[in-house]
C-alpha atoms as a PDB file:
ATOM      1  CA  UNK A   1     -22.706 -32.027 -13.152  1.00  0.00           C
ATOM      2  CA  UNK A   2     -22.297 -34.205  -9.968  1.00  0.00           C
ATOM      3  CA  UNK A   3     -23.077 -36.945 -11.717  1.00  0.00           C
ATOM      4  CA  UNK A   4     -20.048 -36.487 -14.203  1.00  0.00           C
ATOM      5  CA  UNK A   5     -17.746 -35.851 -11.366  1.00  0.00           C
ATOM      6  CA  UNK A   6     -19.323 -39.305 -10.066  1.00  0.00           C
ATOM      7  CA  UNK A   7     -18.553 -41.077 -13.070  1.00  0.00           C
ATOM      8  CA  UNK A   8     -15.449 -39.429 -14.234  1.00  0.00           C
ATOM      9  CA  UNK A   9     -13.420 -39.860 -10.596  1.00  0.00           C
ATOM     10  CA  UNK A  10     -14.708 -43.632  -9.191  1.00  0.00           C
ATOM     11  CA  UNK A  11     -15.246 -44.776 -12.791  1.00  0.00           C
ATOM     12  CA  UNK A  12     -13.161 -43.625 -14.833  1.00  0.00           C
ATOM     13  CA  UNK A  13     -15.778 -42.726 -17.213  1.00  0.00           C
ATOM     14  CA  UNK A  14     -14.197 -39.524 -18.694  1.00  0.00           C
ATOM     15  CA  UNK A  15     -10.632 -38.072 -18.739  1.00  0.00           C
ATOM     16  CA  UNK A  16     -11.896 -34.423 -19.385  1.00  0.00           C
ATOM     17  CA  UNK A  17      -8.096 -31.507 -20.096  1.00  0.00           C
ATOM     18  CA  UNK A  18      -8.308 -28.889 -17.318  1.00  0.00           C
ATOM     19  CA  UNK A  19      -7.762 -25.277 -17.699  1.00  0.00           C
ATOM     20  CA  UNK A  20      -4.811 -23.592 -15.348  1.00  0.00           C
ATOM     21  CA  UNK A  21      -8.280 -22.425 -13.257  1.00  0.00           C
ATOM     22  CA  UNK A  22      -8.466 -26.378 -12.863  1.00  0.00           C
ATOM     23  CA  UNK A  23     -11.666 -26.069 -14.502  1.00  0.00           C
ATOM     24  CA  UNK A  24     -12.745 -29.199 -16.639  1.00  0.00           C
ATOM     25  CA  UNK A  25     -12.961 -29.016 -20.246  1.00  0.00           C
ATOM     26  CA  UNK A  26     -15.416 -31.513 -21.755  1.00  0.00           C
ATOM     27  CA  UNK A  27     -15.235 -32.670 -25.506  1.00  0.00           C
ATOM     28  CA  UNK A  28     -18.529 -33.420 -28.211  1.00  0.00           C
ATOM     29  CA  UNK A  29     -16.724 -37.365 -27.715  1.00  0.00           C
ATOM     30  CA  UNK A  30     -17.297 -37.011 -23.855  1.00  0.00           C
ATOM     31  CA  UNK A  31     -20.733 -35.283 -24.325  1.00  0.00           C
ATOM     32  CA  UNK A  32     -22.085 -38.299 -26.340  1.00  0.00           C
ATOM     33  CA  UNK A  33     -21.177 -41.266 -23.749  1.00  0.00           C
ATOM     34  CA  UNK A  34     -22.434 -39.241 -21.297  1.00  0.00           C
ATOM     35  CA  UNK A  35     -25.852 -38.917 -23.449  1.00  0.00           C
ATOM     36  CA  UNK A  36     -25.307 -42.751 -23.900  1.00  0.00           C
ATOM     37  CA  UNK A  37     -24.451 -43.622 -20.199  1.00  0.00           C
ATOM     38  CA  UNK A  38     -27.576 -41.799 -19.170  1.00  0.00           C
ATOM     39  CA  UNK A  39     -29.697 -43.726 -21.462  1.00  0.00           C
ATOM     40  CA  UNK A  40     -28.147 -46.925 -20.685  1.00  0.00           C
ATOM     41  CA  UNK A  41     -28.010 -46.358 -17.263  1.00  0.00           C
ATOM     42  CA  UNK A  42     -31.767 -45.865 -16.799  1.00  0.00           C
ATOM     43  CA  UNK A  43     -32.156 -48.854 -18.443  1.00  0.00           C
ATOM     44  CA  UNK A  44     -31.354 -50.902 -16.018  1.00  0.00           C
ATOM     45  CA  UNK A  45     -27.465 -51.082 -16.971  1.00  0.00           C
ATOM     46  CA  UNK A  46     -24.546 -50.848 -13.959  1.00  0.00           C
ATOM     47  CA  UNK A  47     -22.557 -47.996 -15.170  1.00  0.00           C
ATOM     48  CA  UNK A  48     -19.586 -49.561 -13.609  1.00  0.00           C
ATOM     49  CA  UNK A  49     -20.014 -52.026 -16.251  1.00  0.00           C
ATOM     50  CA  UNK A  50     -20.217 -49.720 -18.952  1.00  0.00           C
ATOM     51  CA  UNK A  51     -18.266 -46.802 -18.191  1.00  0.00           C
ATOM     52  CA  UNK A  52     -15.369 -48.102 -19.656  1.00  0.00           C
ATOM     53  CA  UNK A  53     -16.707 -48.863 -23.340  1.00  0.00           C
ATOM     54  CA  UNK A  54     -15.973 -46.510 -25.950  1.00  0.00           C
ATOM     55  CA  UNK A  55     -18.690 -44.767 -27.919  1.00  0.00           C
ATOM     56  CA  UNK A  56     -18.889 -47.617 -31.039  1.00  0.00           C
ATOM     57  CA  UNK A  57     -19.805 -49.773 -27.974  1.00  0.00           C
ATOM     58  CA  UNK A  58     -22.569 -48.143 -26.187  1.00  0.00           C
ATOM     59  CA  UNK A  59     -24.325 -47.220 -29.345  1.00  0.00           C
ATOM     60  CA  UNK A  60     -24.214 -50.512 -30.076  1.00  0.00           C
ATOM     61  CA  UNK A  61     -25.426 -51.640 -26.667  1.00  0.00           C
ATOM     62  CA  UNK A  62     -28.120 -48.402 -27.099  1.00  0.00           C
ATOM     63  CA  UNK A  63     -29.502 -49.945 -30.499  1.00  0.00           C
ATOM     64  CA  UNK A  64     -29.780 -53.627 -29.767  1.00  0.00           C
ATOM     65  CA  UNK A  65     -31.644 -52.800 -26.254  1.00  0.00           C
ATOM     66  CA  UNK A  66     -33.718 -50.180 -28.535  1.00  0.00           C
ATOM     67  CA  UNK A  67     -34.326 -52.632 -31.203  1.00  0.00           C
ATOM     68  CA  UNK A  68     -35.715 -55.298 -28.655  1.00  0.00           C
ATOM     69  CA  UNK A  69     -38.394 -52.976 -26.521  1.00  0.00           C
ATOM     70  CA  UNK A  70     -39.173 -51.445 -30.491  1.00  0.00           C
ATOM     71  CA  UNK A  71     -43.404 -52.260 -31.441  1.00  0.00           C
ATOM     72  CA  UNK A  72     -42.866 -51.411 -35.214  1.00  0.00           C
ATOM     73  CA  UNK A  73     -46.987 -51.593 -35.914  1.00  0.00           C
ATOM     74  CA  UNK A  74     -48.110 -49.914 -38.607  1.00  0.00           C
ATOM     75  CA  UNK A  75     -44.762 -47.899 -39.195  1.00  0.00           C
ATOM     76  CA  UNK A  76     -42.317 -50.224 -39.981  1.00  0.00           C
ATOM     77  CA  UNK A  77     -38.523 -50.437 -39.220  1.00  0.00           C
ATOM     78  CA  UNK A  78     -37.320 -46.738 -37.934  1.00  0.00           C
ATOM     79  CA  UNK A  79     -35.600 -44.889 -40.623  1.00  0.00           C
ATOM     80  CA  UNK A  80     -31.613 -45.664 -40.085  1.00  0.00           C
ATOM     81  CA  UNK A  81     -29.226 -42.256 -39.830  1.00  0.00           C
ATOM     82  CA  UNK A  82     -25.598 -42.525 -40.345  1.00  0.00           C
ATOM     83  CA  UNK A  83     -24.482 -39.242 -38.779  1.00  0.00           C
ATOM     84  CA  UNK A  84     -21.783 -36.673 -39.385  1.00  0.00           C
ATOM     85  CA  UNK A  85     -20.731 -34.181 -36.814  1.00  0.00           C
ATOM     86  CA  UNK A  86     -20.552 -34.768 -33.160  1.00  0.00           C
ATOM     87  CA  UNK A  87     -22.647 -31.345 -31.972  1.00  0.00           C
ATOM     88  CA  UNK A  88     -25.469 -32.973 -34.542  1.00  0.00           C
ATOM     89  CA  UNK A  89     -25.567 -36.194 -33.318  1.00  0.00           C
ATOM     90  CA  UNK A  90     -25.528 -35.503 -29.701  1.00  0.00           C
ATOM     91  CA  UNK A  91     -28.668 -33.450 -30.444  1.00  0.00           C
ATOM     92  CA  UNK A  92     -30.642 -36.129 -32.060  1.00  0.00           C
ATOM     93  CA  UNK A  93     -29.624 -38.860 -29.980  1.00  0.00           C
ATOM     94  CA  UNK A  94     -30.540 -35.899 -26.688  1.00  0.00           C
ATOM     95  CA  UNK A  95     -33.567 -37.120 -24.889  1.00  0.00           C
ATOM     96  CA  UNK A  96     -35.561 -33.158 -25.518  1.00  0.00           C
ATOM     97  CA  UNK A  97     -34.723 -34.035 -29.060  1.00  0.00           C
ATOM     98  CA  UNK A  98     -36.404 -37.227 -29.209  1.00  0.00           C
ATOM     99  CA  UNK A  99     -39.213 -36.286 -27.835  1.00  0.00           C
ATOM    100  CA  UNK A 100     -40.345 -34.225 -30.720  1.00  0.00           C
ATOM    101  CA  UNK A 101     -40.027 -36.996 -32.983  1.00  0.00           C
ATOM    102  CA  UNK A 102     -42.625 -39.785 -33.453  1.00  0.00           C
ATOM    103  CA  UNK A 103     -42.085 -43.046 -31.564  1.00  0.00           C
ATOM    104  CA  UNK A 104     -39.588 -45.448 -33.300  1.00  0.00           C
ATOM    105  CA  UNK A 105     -39.465 -43.233 -36.604  1.00  0.00           C
ATOM    106  CA  UNK A 106     -35.293 -43.219 -36.797  1.00  0.00           C
ATOM    107  CA  UNK A 107     -32.735 -44.339 -35.362  1.00  0.00           C
ATOM    108  CA  UNK A 108     -29.022 -43.725 -35.322  1.00  0.00           C
ATOM    109  CA  UNK A 109     -26.529 -46.185 -36.852  1.00  0.00           C
ATOM    110  CA  UNK A 110     -23.457 -44.367 -36.969  1.00  0.00           C
ATOM    111  CA  UNK A 111     -21.687 -40.935 -35.974  1.00  0.00           C
ATOM    112  CA  UNK A 112     -18.658 -39.848 -37.883  1.00  0.00           C
ATOM    113  CA  UNK A 113     -16.696 -36.762 -36.318  1.00  0.00           C
ATOM    114  CA  UNK A 114     -16.399 -35.107 -40.088  1.00  0.00           C
ATOM    115  CA  UNK A 115     -16.168 -36.129 -43.903  1.00  0.00           C
ATOM    116  CA  UNK A 116     -12.764 -37.350 -43.830  1.00  0.00           C
ATOM    117  CA  UNK A 117     -13.647 -40.071 -41.552  1.00  0.00           C
ATOM    118  CA  UNK A 118     -17.068 -40.975 -43.306  1.00  0.00           C
ATOM    119  CA  UNK A 119     -15.005 -41.385 -46.364  1.00  0.00           C
ATOM    120  CA  UNK A 120     -13.270 -43.980 -44.784  1.00  0.00           C
ATOM    121  CA  UNK A 121     -16.196 -45.525 -42.676  1.00  0.00           C
ATOM    122  CA  UNK A 122     -17.133 -49.334 -43.164  1.00  0.00           C
ATOM    123  CA  UNK A 123     -21.440 -48.480 -42.745  1.00  0.00           C
ATOM    124  CA  UNK A 124     -21.660 -52.263 -41.456  1.00  0.00           C
ATOM    125  CA  UNK A 125     -26.128 -51.705 -41.303  1.00  0.00           C
ATOM    126  CA  UNK A 126     -26.114 -49.466 -44.454  1.00  0.00           C
ATOM    127  CA  UNK A 127     -27.729 -46.681 -43.440  1.00  0.00           C
ATOM    128  CA  UNK A 128     -30.299 -45.229 -45.264  1.00  0.00           C
ATOM    129  CA  UNK A 129     -30.069 -42.008 -44.846  1.00  0.00           C
ATOM    130  CA  UNK A 130     -26.713 -39.708 -44.500  1.00  0.00           C
ATOM    131  CA  UNK A 131     -27.170 -36.440 -42.548  1.00  0.00           C
ATOM    132  CA  UNK A 132     -24.422 -33.869 -42.298  1.00  0.00           C
ATOM    133  CA  UNK A 133     -23.028 -30.739 -40.293  1.00  0.00           C
ATOM    134  CA  UNK A 134     -20.921 -28.820 -41.500  1.00  0.00           C
ATOM    135  CA  UNK A 135     -20.114 -25.005 -41.151  1.00  0.00           C
ATOM    136  CA  UNK A 136     -18.800 -23.594 -44.723  1.00  0.00           C
ATOM    137  CA  UNK A 137     -20.440 -25.471 -48.214  1.00  0.00           C
ATOM    138  CA  UNK A 138     -17.808 -24.711 -51.003  1.00  0.00           C
ATOM    139  CA  UNK A 139     -17.198 -26.889 -54.237  1.00  0.00           C
ATOM    140  CA  UNK A 140     -15.223 -29.476 -52.756  1.00  0.00           C
ATOM    141  CA  UNK A 141     -17.292 -30.153 -49.671  1.00  0.00           C
ATOM    142  CA  UNK A 142     -19.886 -30.909 -52.264  1.00  0.00           C
ATOM    143  CA  UNK A 143     -18.209 -32.747 -54.345  1.00  0.00           C
ATOM    144  CA  UNK A 144     -16.994 -34.913 -50.943  1.00  0.00           C
ATOM    145  CA  UNK A 145     -20.543 -35.725 -50.217  1.00  0.00           C
ATOM    146  CA  UNK A 146     -21.132 -36.411 -53.201  1.00  0.00           C
ATOM    147  CA  UNK A 147     -18.256 -39.360 -53.543  1.00  0.00           C
ATOM    148  CA  UNK A 148     -20.109 -40.210 -50.335  1.00  0.00           C
ATOM    149  CA  UNK A 149     -23.289 -40.958 -51.100  1.00  0.00           C
ATOM    150  CA  UNK A 150     -22.303 -42.667 -54.472  1.00  0.00           C
ATOM    151  CA  UNK A 151     -20.267 -44.929 -52.512  1.00  0.00           C
ATOM    152  CA  UNK A 152     -22.914 -45.809 -50.343  1.00  0.00           C
ATOM    153  CA  UNK A 153     -25.760 -45.653 -51.924  1.00  0.00           C
ATOM    154  CA  UNK A 154     -27.752 -43.602 -49.084  1.00  0.00           C
ATOM    155  CA  UNK A 155     -31.984 -43.274 -50.508  1.00  0.00           C
ATOM    156  CA  UNK A 156     -31.363 -39.470 -48.784  1.00  0.00           C
ATOM    157  CA  UNK A 157     -28.990 -37.392 -47.893  1.00  0.00           C
ATOM    158  CA  UNK A 158     -29.623 -34.257 -45.805  1.00  0.00           C
ATOM    159  CA  UNK A 159     -26.754 -31.076 -45.605  1.00  0.00           C
ATOM    160  CA  UNK A 160     -26.926 -28.839 -42.501  1.00  0.00           C
ATOM    161  CA  UNK A 161     -24.499 -25.535 -42.883  1.00  0.00           C
ATOM    162  CA  UNK A 162     -23.293 -22.322 -41.227  1.00  0.00           C
ATOM    163  CA  UNK A 163     -22.571 -20.446 -44.658  1.00  0.00           C
ATOM    164  CA  UNK A 164     -21.890 -21.185 -47.977  1.00  0.00           C
ATOM    165  CA  UNK A 165     -22.188 -18.988 -51.618  1.00  0.00           C
ATOM    166  CA  UNK A 166     -25.395 -19.032 -52.981  1.00  0.00           C
ATOM    167  CA  UNK A 167     -24.151 -20.776 -56.102  1.00  0.00           C
ATOM    168  CA  UNK A 168     -23.098 -24.053 -54.525  1.00  0.00           C
ATOM    169  CA  UNK A 169     -26.185 -24.357 -51.756  1.00  0.00           C
ATOM    170  CA  UNK A 170     -28.461 -24.284 -55.335  1.00  0.00           C
ATOM    171  CA  UNK A 171     -26.187 -26.851 -57.075  1.00  0.00           C
ATOM    172  CA  UNK A 172     -26.314 -29.318 -54.050  1.00  0.00           C
ATOM    173  CA  UNK A 173     -30.270 -28.590 -54.147  1.00  0.00           C
ATOM    174  CA  UNK A 174     -30.137 -29.655 -58.141  1.00  0.00           C
ATOM    175  CA  UNK A 175     -28.181 -32.974 -57.350  1.00  0.00           C
ATOM    176  CA  UNK A 176     -30.877 -34.247 -55.022  1.00  0.00           C
ATOM    177  CA  UNK A 177     -29.099 -33.094 -51.652  1.00  0.00           C
ATOM    178  CA  UNK A 178     -32.059 -31.434 -49.278  1.00  0.00           C
ATOM    179  CA  UNK A 179     -29.866 -28.570 -47.853  1.00  0.00           C
ATOM    180  CA  UNK A 180     -30.815 -26.866 -45.150  1.00  0.00           C
ATOM    181  CA  UNK A 181     -28.706 -23.631 -42.570  1.00  0.00           C
ATOM    182  CA  UNK A 182     -28.656 -23.247 -39.428  1.00  0.00           C
ATOM    183  CA  UNK A 183     -30.463 -22.136 -37.074  1.00  0.00           C
ATOM    184  CA  UNK A 184     -32.897 -24.471 -36.886  1.00  0.00           C
ATOM    185  CA  UNK A 185     -35.213 -25.379 -34.053  1.00  0.00           C
ATOM    186  CA  UNK A 186     -35.398 -29.144 -32.469  1.00  0.00           C
ATOM    187  CA  UNK A 187     -38.974 -28.992 -34.193  1.00  0.00           C
ATOM    188  CA  UNK A 188     -37.393 -27.966 -37.280  1.00  0.00           C
ATOM    189  CA  UNK A 189     -35.353 -30.872 -37.351  1.00  0.00           C
ATOM    190  CA  UNK A 190     -37.569 -33.396 -36.671  1.00  0.00           C
ATOM    191  CA  UNK A 191     -39.331 -32.346 -39.271  1.00  0.00           C
ATOM    192  CA  UNK A 192     -36.719 -31.986 -41.512  1.00  0.00           C
ATOM    193  CA  UNK A 193     -35.637 -35.645 -40.781  1.00  0.00           C
ATOM    194  CA  UNK A 194     -39.569 -37.098 -40.829  1.00  0.00           C
ATOM    195  CA  UNK A 195     -40.301 -35.400 -44.074  1.00  0.00           C
ATOM    196  CA  UNK A 196     -37.909 -38.274 -46.096  1.00  0.00           C
ATOM    197  CA  UNK A 197     -40.311 -41.091 -44.426  1.00  0.00           C
ATOM    198  CA  UNK A 198     -43.124 -42.422 -45.987  1.00  0.00           C
ATOM    199  CA  UNK A 199     -45.732 -41.234 -45.078  1.00  0.00           C
ATOM    200  CA  UNK A 200     -47.648 -45.086 -44.860  1.00  0.00           C
ATOM    201  CA  UNK A 201     -44.791 -47.608 -45.180  1.00  0.00           C
ATOM    202  CA  UNK A 202     -47.123 -50.396 -45.150  1.00  0.00           C
ATOM    203  CA  UNK A 203     -48.821 -49.440 -48.167  1.00  0.00           C
ATOM    204  CA  UNK A 204     -45.435 -48.053 -49.437  1.00  0.00           C
ATOM    205  CA  UNK A 205     -44.092 -52.161 -48.854  1.00  0.00           C
ATOM    206  CA  UNK A 206     -47.521 -53.534 -50.704  1.00  0.00           C
ATOM    207  CA  UNK A 207     -46.016 -51.310 -53.632  1.00  0.00           C
ATOM    208  CA  UNK A 208     -42.567 -52.477 -53.681  1.00  0.00           C
ATOM    209  CA  UNK A 209     -40.771 -49.727 -52.258  1.00  0.00           C
ATOM    210  CA  UNK A 210     -37.623 -50.488 -50.633  1.00  0.00           C
ATOM    211  CA  UNK A 211     -37.165 -49.734 -46.814  1.00  0.00           C
ATOM    212  CA  UNK A 212     -39.227 -46.265 -45.153  1.00  0.00           C
ATOM    213  CA  UNK A 213     -37.156 -44.048 -47.130  1.00  0.00           C
ATOM    214  CA  UNK A 214     -38.484 -41.860 -50.025  1.00  0.00           C
ATOM    215  CA  UNK A 215     -35.420 -41.986 -52.532  1.00  0.00           C
ATOM    216  CA  UNK A 216     -34.533 -39.497 -54.982  1.00  0.00           C
ATOM    217  CA  UNK A 217     -35.868 -39.171 -58.143  1.00  0.00           C
ATOM    218  CA  UNK A 218     -35.149 -42.379 -60.491  1.00  0.00           C
ATOM    219  CA  UNK A 219     -36.079 -40.428 -64.207  1.00  0.00           C
ATOM    220  CA  UNK A 220     -34.987 -36.942 -65.683  1.00  0.00           C
ATOM    221  CA  UNK A 221     -37.709 -35.014 -67.126  1.00  0.00           C
ATOM    222  CA  UNK A 222     -36.280 -35.648 -70.472  1.00  0.00           C
ATOM    223  CA  UNK A 223     -37.303 -39.402 -69.998  1.00  0.00           C
ATOM    224  CA  UNK A 224     -40.955 -38.273 -68.336  1.00  0.00           C
ATOM    225  CA  UNK A 225     -40.899 -36.910 -71.997  1.00  0.00           C
ATOM    226  CA  UNK A 226     -39.581 -39.441 -73.994  1.00  0.00           C
ATOM    227  CA  UNK A 227     -41.616 -42.023 -72.561  1.00  0.00           C
ATOM    228  CA  UNK A 228     -44.770 -39.715 -72.641  1.00  0.00           C
ATOM    229  CA  UNK A 229     -44.947 -38.833 -76.448  1.00  0.00           C
ATOM    230  CA  UNK A 230     -44.354 -43.086 -77.009  1.00  0.00           C
ATOM    231  CA  UNK A 231     -47.233 -45.262 -78.771  1.00  0.00           C
ATOM    232  CA  UNK A 232     -48.443 -48.042 -77.540  1.00  0.00           C
ATOM    233  CA  UNK A 233     -50.893 -51.212 -77.414  1.00  0.00           C
ATOM    234  CA  UNK A 234     -52.075 -49.535 -73.283  1.00  0.00           C
ATOM    235  CA  UNK A 235     -55.865 -48.607 -75.034  1.00  0.00           C
ATOM    236  CA  UNK A 236     -55.508 -45.854 -71.716  1.00  0.00           C
ATOM    237  CA  UNK A 237     -52.376 -44.020 -72.205  1.00  0.00           C
ATOM    238  CA  UNK A 238     -50.871 -45.243 -69.054  1.00  0.00           C
ATOM    239  CA  UNK A 239     -47.105 -44.723 -70.201  1.00  0.00           C
ATOM    240  CA  UNK A 240     -48.323 -41.095 -70.314  1.00  0.00           C
ATOM    241  CA  UNK A 241     -50.465 -39.828 -67.811  1.00  0.00           C
ATOM    242  CA  UNK A 242     -47.912 -41.869 -65.543  1.00  0.00           C
ATOM    243  CA  UNK A 243     -45.307 -40.028 -66.719  1.00  0.00           C
ATOM    244  CA  UNK A 244     -46.966 -36.674 -66.540  1.00  0.00           C
ATOM    245  CA  UNK A 245     -47.918 -37.314 -63.149  1.00  0.00           C
ATOM    246  CA  UNK A 246     -44.100 -38.780 -62.423  1.00  0.00           C
ATOM    247  CA  UNK A 247     -43.087 -35.214 -63.444  1.00  0.00           C
ATOM    248  CA  UNK A 248     -45.767 -33.164 -61.746  1.00  0.00           C
ATOM    249  CA  UNK A 249     -45.632 -34.997 -58.410  1.00  0.00           C
ATOM    250  CA  UNK A 250     -41.990 -34.643 -58.441  1.00  0.00           C
ATOM    251  CA  UNK A 251     -41.817 -30.422 -59.387  1.00  0.00           C
ATOM    252  CA  UNK A 252     -44.138 -30.427 -56.635  1.00  0.00           C
ATOM    253  CA  UNK A 253     -41.895 -32.274 -54.143  1.00  0.00           C
ATOM    254  CA  UNK A 254     -38.905 -29.311 -55.360  1.00  0.00           C
ATOM    255  CA  UNK A 255     -41.260 -26.859 -54.574  1.00  0.00           C
ATOM    256  CA  UNK A 256     -42.056 -28.666 -51.172  1.00  0.00           C
ATOM    257  CA  UNK A 257     -38.763 -28.930 -50.305  1.00  0.00           C
ATOM    258  CA  UNK A 258     -38.398 -25.233 -51.636  1.00  0.00           C
ATOM    259  CA  UNK A 259     -40.700 -23.774 -48.670  1.00  0.00           C
ATOM    260  CA  UNK A 260     -39.253 -26.455 -46.479  1.00  0.00           C
ATOM    261  CA  UNK A 261     -35.868 -24.711 -46.443  1.00  0.00           C
ATOM    262  CA  UNK A 262     -36.890 -20.887 -46.661  1.00  0.00           C
ATOM    263  CA  UNK A 263     -39.930 -21.108 -43.969  1.00  0.00           C
ATOM    264  CA  UNK A 264     -39.220 -22.826 -41.056  1.00  0.00           C
ATOM    265  CA  UNK A 265     -42.873 -21.352 -39.747  1.00  0.00           C
ATOM    266  CA  UNK A 266     -44.422 -23.544 -41.445  1.00  0.00           C
ATOM    267  CA  UNK A 267     -41.805 -26.163 -41.089  1.00  0.00           C
ATOM    268  CA  UNK A 268     -44.518 -29.065 -40.216  1.00  0.00           C
ATOM    269  CA  UNK A 269     -46.676 -28.293 -42.896  1.00  0.00           C
ATOM    270  CA  UNK A 270     -44.073 -28.451 -46.204  1.00  0.00           C
ATOM    271  CA  UNK A 271     -42.277 -31.779 -44.319  1.00  0.00           C
ATOM    272  CA  UNK A 272     -45.482 -33.242 -44.536  1.00  0.00           C
ATOM    273  CA  UNK A 273     -46.437 -31.811 -48.308  1.00  0.00           C
ATOM    274  CA  UNK A 274     -42.769 -33.149 -49.499  1.00  0.00           C
ATOM    275  CA  UNK A 275     -43.592 -36.857 -47.903  1.00  0.00           C
ATOM    276  CA  UNK A 276     -46.613 -36.759 -49.209  1.00  0.00           C
ATOM    277  CA  UNK A 277     -45.877 -35.998 -52.431  1.00  0.00           C
ATOM    278  CA  UNK A 278     -42.500 -37.688 -52.708  1.00  0.00           C
ATOM    279  CA  UNK A 279     -44.124 -40.917 -51.352  1.00  0.00           C
ATOM    280  CA  UNK A 280     -46.772 -40.822 -54.416  1.00  0.00           C
ATOM    281  CA  UNK A 281     -44.260 -39.909 -56.505  1.00  0.00           C
ATOM    282  CA  UNK A 282     -41.499 -42.889 -56.161  1.00  0.00           C
ATOM    283  CA  UNK A 283     -44.841 -44.954 -56.224  1.00  0.00           C
ATOM    284  CA  UNK A 284     -45.813 -44.290 -59.582  1.00  0.00           C
ATOM    285  CA  UNK A 285     -42.475 -44.319 -60.269  1.00  0.00           C
ATOM    286  CA  UNK A 286     -42.629 -48.157 -59.532  1.00  0.00           C
ATOM    287  CA  UNK A 287     -46.048 -48.468 -61.792  1.00  0.00           C
ATOM    288  CA  UNK A 288     -43.816 -46.832 -64.794  1.00  0.00           C
ATOM    289  CA  UNK A 289     -41.903 -49.684 -64.633  1.00  0.00           C
ATOM    290  CA  UNK A 290     -43.829 -52.124 -64.339  1.00  0.00           C
ATOM    291  CA  UNK A 291     -45.543 -50.781 -68.016  1.00  0.00           C
ATOM    292  CA  UNK A 292     -42.225 -50.210 -69.450  1.00  0.00           C
ATOM    293  CA  UNK A 293     -41.422 -53.678 -68.393  1.00  0.00           C
ATOM    294  CA  UNK A 294     -45.408 -54.707 -69.982  1.00  0.00           C
ATOM    295  CA  UNK A 295     -45.002 -52.693 -73.180  1.00  0.00           C
ATOM    296  CA  UNK A 296     -41.049 -53.340 -73.724  1.00  0.00           C
ATOM    297  CA  UNK A 297     -40.176 -49.656 -73.071  1.00  0.00           C
ATOM    298  CA  UNK A 298     -36.277 -49.007 -72.326  1.00  0.00           C
ATOM    299  CA  UNK A 299     -37.032 -46.599 -69.851  1.00  0.00           C
ATOM    300  CA  UNK A 300     -32.707 -46.031 -69.253  1.00  0.00           C
ATOM    301  CA  UNK A 301     -32.335 -45.296 -73.166  1.00  0.00           C
ATOM    302  CA  UNK A 302     -32.425 -41.494 -73.646  1.00  0.00           C
ATOM    303  CA  UNK A 303     -32.626 -41.377 -77.783  1.00  0.00           C
ATOM    304  CA  UNK A 304     -34.163 -44.319 -79.525  1.00  0.00           C
ATOM    305  CA  UNK A 305     -37.700 -44.161 -79.857  1.00  0.00           C
ATOM    306  CA  UNK A 306     -39.150 -48.027 -79.126  1.00  0.00           C
ATOM    307  CA  UNK A 307     -40.686 -49.358 -81.601  1.00  0.00           C
ATOM    308  CA  UNK A 308     -44.575 -49.613 -81.445  1.00  0.00           C
ATOM    309  CA  UNK A 309     -45.785 -53.629 -81.269  1.00  0.00           C
ATOM    310  CA  UNK A 310     -47.330 -55.278 -83.514  1.00  0.00           C
ATOM    311  CA  UNK A 311     -51.534 -56.405 -82.606  1.00  0.00           C
END
């Protein structure tokens, strides 16, 4: 607290509210700023030069510095996050939490106060993952989140909540969102975030996947069943085999996610299994697209069965 008081009185970094008893009350924004100031000052920035900057400027400085220092190595670029909820952002950006995450795996690019602010935000870097913290989930909240995902094309969305009707939670899961109830330890939260990352990013890029995040399913069970029933010129019946593999992997991916949502004791194992199955499912979806292109199969056609090619 002595450091905060110095930053407050000497450099004007904060203007906390005070109670009738003269106790200083810090808001979530103050906590966010204190975390960033501490990180940047340890990296050599003079507090006098950065104390007057706002949260967006401080976060931009931190990200630029992290990018300059990072060594992607075999892991590729870090997964970029947009976080809705200052409390959650403070937790993810804290030194204690960072220690639980593999180096250079995630990077926060945007922090929004709530869903209303997120709905009006312009995401400059187009973050890959949206992470949301809400106290209560209702149908209107689900609709807001769905609209946000549709507008910005996040590869994955994680929703953390305190209270919600079971019907709403199930509907969100069925729509492809990752939903988890508080309380969660830092280890559980880290595992949840890392469950959306490709296990082998280098090989994923070699096979044409986009970025380092496991995207949601591209094709429904109905589409896969239709493709599996198509007779083609591929003698080894690759369309059928690949479609069936995708369906099986998607089922196991969903099963692993259910276990991850329910069982915090085995979070590490289930996050790993979900990442493995999701990575494989995404890669086989890319393989199916190549097969479909070669065989003239319309993967977006639900009703009309493509004609068999003449030999």
